[in-house]
């Protein structure tokens, strides 16, 4: 991750040069890279801790999925099974809300 910048009163975060490594070898291209990510969070309910995204912007996203000869990929799998976040669509919004 390059730089990280927040604007607390707008509930906004910006990340530059975000790279996500998978199971690729050190000399191979990483799984994903985004030049810039901007996300603004919206609070749906403080009592039920429901949050969503007002918007997410990805500038120049690149995903490089490698399929090796044995059929495996460079995509990692979770080591511990957990409860994933639920994504719920609201009738009053074009964007999903994420429930933890």
Protein backbone atom coordinates (compact mmCIF):
# COMPACT_ATOMS: atom_id res chain seq x y z
CA UNK A 1 0.00 0.00 0.00
CA UNK A 2 1.36 3.35 -0.96
CA UNK A 3 -0.42 6.19 0.85
CA UNK A 4 -3.59 6.22 2.93
CA UNK A 5 -5.65 9.35 3.48
CA UNK A 6 -8.93 9.82 5.35
CA UNK A 7 -11.48 12.60 5.60
CA UNK A 8 -13.29 11.70 8.84
CA UNK A 9 -16.16 14.19 8.59
CA UNK A 10 -17.04 12.87 5.12
CA UNK A 11 -16.48 9.22 6.17
CA UNK A 12 -14.14 8.93 3.19
CA UNK A 13 -10.88 7.04 2.67
CA UNK A 14 -8.38 7.09 -0.19
CA UNK A 15 -5.67 4.51 -0.81
CA UNK A 16 -3.01 4.84 -3.52
CA UNK A 17 -0.92 2.03 -5.03
CA UNK A 18 -2.80 -0.86 -3.42
CA UNK A 19 -1.32 -4.28 -4.30
CA UNK A 20 -2.82 -7.61 -3.24
CA UNK A 21 -0.53 -10.63 -3.39
CA UNK A 22 -1.89 -14.11 -3.83
CA UNK A 23 -0.03 -17.41 -3.98
CA UNK A 24 2.20 -16.38 -6.89
CA UNK A 25 5.96 -16.79 -6.71
CA UNK A 26 8.04 -13.73 -5.71
CA UNK A 27 9.06 -12.97 -9.30
CA UNK A 28 5.51 -13.17 -10.76
CA UNK A 29 2.99 -10.38 -11.24
CA UNK A 30 0.79 -9.88 -8.12
CA UNK A 31 -2.84 -11.03 -7.99
CA UNK A 32 -4.30 -7.50 -8.08
CA UNK A 33 -3.26 -3.86 -8.18
CA UNK A 34 -5.24 -0.62 -8.10
CA UNK A 35 -3.64 2.78 -8.65
CA UNK A 36 -6.22 4.56 -6.47
CA UNK A 37 -9.25 3.53 -4.38
CA UNK A 38 -11.68 6.10 -3.00
CA UNK A 39 -14.55 4.94 -0.78
CA UNK A 40 -17.19 6.87 1.09
CA UNK A 41 -19.07 5.02 3.84
CA UNK A 42 -22.65 5.68 4.85
CA UNK A 43 -24.14 4.78 8.21
CA UNK A 44 -27.42 2.95 7.80
CA UNK A 45 -28.07 2.14 11.46
CA UNK A 46 -25.85 2.79 14.47
CA UNK A 47 -27.99 0.62 16.72
CA UNK A 48 -27.70 -2.43 14.47
CA UNK A 49 -24.19 -1.52 13.20
CA UNK A 50 -25.23 -1.47 9.55
CA UNK A 51 -22.85 0.33 7.22
CA UNK A 52 -22.78 0.66 3.45
CA UNK A 53 -20.88 2.44 0.73
CA UNK A 54 -22.08 5.68 -0.74
CA UNK A 55 -19.57 5.07 -3.54
CA UNK A 56 -16.36 3.20 -4.34
CA UNK A 57 -14.06 4.33 -7.14
CA UNK A 58 -11.23 2.17 -8.51
CA UNK A 59 -8.71 3.86 -10.81
CA UNK A 60 -6.93 1.45 -13.17
CA UNK A 61 -7.69 -1.90 -11.50
CA UNK A 62 -5.65 -4.86 -12.79
CA UNK A 63 -6.31 -8.50 -11.85
CA UNK A 64 -3.83 -11.18 -12.85
CA UNK A 65 -5.16 -14.69 -12.20
CA UNK A 66 -2.63 -17.45 -12.91
CA UNK A 67 -3.77 -21.01 -13.66
CA UNK A 68 -0.88 -23.41 -13.16
CA UNK A 69 -0.52 -26.71 -15.13
CA UNK A 70 -1.87 -28.72 -12.18
CA UNK A 71 -5.09 -26.65 -12.20
CA UNK A 72 -4.30 -24.61 -9.07
CA UNK A 73 -4.33 -20.81 -9.15
CA UNK A 74 -2.66 -17.91 -7.39
CA UNK A 75 -5.97 -17.09 -5.68
CA UNK A 76 -5.65 -17.65 -1.91
CA UNK A 77 -8.32 -19.39 0.17
CA UNK A 78 -9.24 -18.50 3.75
CA UNK A 79 -7.24 -20.44 6.36
CA UNK A 80 -9.98 -20.16 8.97
CA UNK A 81 -13.64 -20.58 8.12
CA UNK A 82 -15.53 -17.61 9.49
CA UNK A 83 -18.74 -15.75 9.04
CA UNK A 84 -18.47 -13.64 5.90
CA UNK A 85 -20.02 -10.21 5.71
CA UNK A 86 -23.52 -10.20 4.27
CA UNK A 87 -24.36 -7.87 1.43
CA UNK A 88 -27.92 -6.59 1.47
CA UNK A 89 -29.64 -4.41 -1.13
CA UNK A 90 -31.88 -1.65 0.12
CA UNK A 91 -34.96 -0.50 -1.78
CA UNK A 92 -34.03 3.10 -1.09
CA UNK A 93 -30.50 2.86 -2.49
CA UNK A 94 -28.72 1.80 -5.65
CA UNK A 95 -25.79 0.52 -3.59
CA UNK A 96 -25.58 -2.48 -1.27
CA UNK A 97 -25.10 -2.25 2.46
CA UNK A 98 -22.60 -4.50 4.22
CA UNK A 99 -23.59 -6.14 7.48
CA UNK A 100 -20.83 -7.51 9.69
